[in-house]
Amino acid sequence: MSSTMDDATLPDHVDRRGFLNGDWRPHTTKSPVTEIASVLVQVRPECMDSAARAIAAMPGTQIYSRDARGKLVAVIEAPNTGTIGTILNSISLLPDVLSAALVFHGTDED
């Protein structure tokens, strides 16, 4: 181990998902990377407002655009890809959501 690395900042245990998401690195107060994704969400047109409110209430999520036929574009900002996946799954499980598809994913480094 490098002498410049402070052992107190390393996690005690890292599972496979944590390792793939970079959780084995020393933790800092602010993540230098932000994951950004856009999701195309098809909802029942008559339930678009309630679905849009439910999606916008999720952390790091906002509705970017909507279409009268029941299409929403949601933008997600998260500290890692695992969080993006969790939010995408949460959106797809909402009662009035017919489908949720990831259409863009990118990384923004500070």
Protein backbone atom coordinates (compact mmCIF):
# COMPACT_ATOMS: atom_id res chain seq x y z
CA MET A 1 0.00 0.00 0.00
CA SER A 2 1.22 3.47 -0.83
CA SER A 3 2.47 5.56 2.08
CA THR A 4 0.45 8.54 0.79
CA MET A 5 -2.86 6.70 1.21
CA ASP A 6 -4.66 7.15 4.52
CA ASP A 7 -5.97 3.76 5.73
CA ALA A 8 -8.86 5.41 7.58
CA THR A 9 -10.43 6.53 4.28
CA LEU A 10 -10.57 3.05 2.76
CA PRO A 11 -13.78 1.02 3.08
CA ASP A 12 -13.68 -2.01 5.40
CA HIS A 13 -15.30 -4.33 2.87
CA VAL A 14 -15.93 -4.03 -0.86
CA ASP A 15 -18.27 -6.35 -2.70
CA ARG A 16 -18.12 -7.01 -6.44
CA ARG A 17 -20.52 -4.20 -7.35
CA GLY A 18 -18.65 -1.78 -5.12
CA PHE A 19 -15.36 -2.74 -6.72
CA LEU A 20 -16.76 -2.19 -10.22
CA ASN A 21 -18.14 1.20 -9.16
CA GLY A 22 -14.76 2.28 -7.79
CA ASP A 23 -15.65 2.03 -4.08
CA TRP A 24 -12.24 0.46 -3.37
CA ARG A 25 -10.63 3.89 -3.84
CA PRO A 26 -10.11 6.22 -0.89
CA HIS A 27 -13.27 8.23 -0.21
CA THR A 28 -13.15 11.97 -0.62
CA THR A 29 -15.69 14.58 0.38
CA LYS A 30 -16.76 15.17 -3.23
CA SER A 31 -16.80 12.65 -6.03
CA PRO A 32 -14.74 13.84 -9.01
CA VAL A 33 -17.10 12.03 -11.40
CA THR A 34 -20.80 12.51 -12.06
CA GLU A 35 -22.73 9.98 -14.11
CA ILE A 36 -25.41 11.49 -16.35
CA ALA A 37 -28.13 9.50 -18.09
CA SER A 38 -31.29 10.20 -20.03
CA VAL A 39 -34.20 7.81 -20.00
CA LEU A 40 -37.14 7.62 -22.39
CA VAL A 41 -40.22 6.75 -20.35
CA GLN A 42 -43.51 5.67 -21.91
CA VAL A 43 -46.48 6.19 -19.58
CA ARG A 44 -50.24 6.02 -19.88
CA PRO A 45 -51.14 9.45 -21.35
CA GLU A 46 -53.93 10.01 -18.82
CA CYS A 47 -51.45 9.43 -15.96
CA MET A 48 -48.56 11.50 -17.29
CA ASP A 49 -48.68 14.19 -14.60
CA SER A 50 -48.62 11.77 -11.68
CA ALA A 51 -45.85 9.69 -13.28
CA ALA A 52 -43.80 12.83 -13.99
CA ARG A 53 -44.18 13.97 -10.35
CA ALA A 54 -43.11 10.52 -9.07
CA ILE A 55 -40.02 10.51 -11.30
CA ALA A 56 -39.07 14.10 -10.44
CA ALA A 57 -39.32 13.24 -6.73
CA MET A 58 -36.48 10.70 -7.07
CA PRO A 59 -33.07 12.07 -6.00
CA GLY A 60 -30.96 13.46 -8.83
CA THR A 61 -33.80 13.11 -11.35
CA GLN A 62 -35.70 15.69 -13.36
CA ILE A 63 -38.15 15.66 -16.24
CA TYR A 64 -36.53 17.29 -19.26
CA SER A 65 -39.32 16.94 -21.81
CA ARG A 66 -42.80 15.49 -22.29
CA ASP A 67 -45.07 14.56 -25.17
CA ALA A 68 -48.88 14.47 -25.11
CA ARG A 69 -48.83 10.83 -26.24
CA GLY A 70 -47.29 9.74 -22.92
CA LYS A 71 -43.56 10.05 -23.55
CA LEU A 72 -41.28 11.60 -20.93
CA VAL A 73 -37.56 12.24 -21.07
CA ALA A 74 -35.99 11.99 -17.62
CA VAL A 75 -32.43 13.10 -16.84
CA ILE A 76 -30.55 11.41 -14.01
CA GLU A 77 -27.38 12.67 -12.32
CA ALA A 78 -25.73 10.26 -9.91
CA PRO A 79 -22.33 9.57 -8.32
CA ASN A 80 -22.00 6.11 -9.91
CA THR A 81 -23.49 3.74 -12.47
CA GLY A 82 -25.10 1.57 -9.78
CA THR A 83 -27.25 4.49 -8.70
CA ILE A 84 -28.24 5.14 -12.31
CA GLY A 85 -29.35 1.51 -12.61
CA THR A 86 -31.27 1.63 -9.33
CA ILE A 87 -33.16 4.77 -10.37
CA LEU A 88 -33.87 3.33 -13.83
CA ASN A 89 -35.34 0.20 -12.21
CA SER A 90 -37.39 2.33 -9.82
CA ILE A 91 -38.81 4.33 -12.73
CA SER A 92 -39.71 1.18 -14.66
CA LEU A 93 -41.58 -0.21 -11.62
CA LEU A 94 -43.85 2.82 -11.19
CA PRO A 95 -47.52 1.84 -11.61
CA ASP A 96 -48.32 3.91 -14.73
CA VAL A 97 -45.00 3.38 -16.52
CA LEU A 98 -45.21 1.08 -19.52
CA SER A 99 -41.48 1.13 -20.32
CA ALA A 100 -38.28 2.94 -19.37
CA ALA A 101 -35.28 2.77 -21.69
CA LEU A 102 -31.80 4.18 -21.18
CA VAL A 103 -31.00 6.26 -24.28
CA PHE A 104 -27.83 8.06 -23.16
CA HIS A 105 -25.20 7.59 -20.52
CA GLY A 106 -22.11 9.71 -20.04
CA THR A 107 -19.53 10.62 -17.43
CA ASP A 108 -18.73 14.20 -16.44
CA GLU A 109 -15.40 14.61 -14.70
CA ASP A 110 -14.75 17.71 -12.59
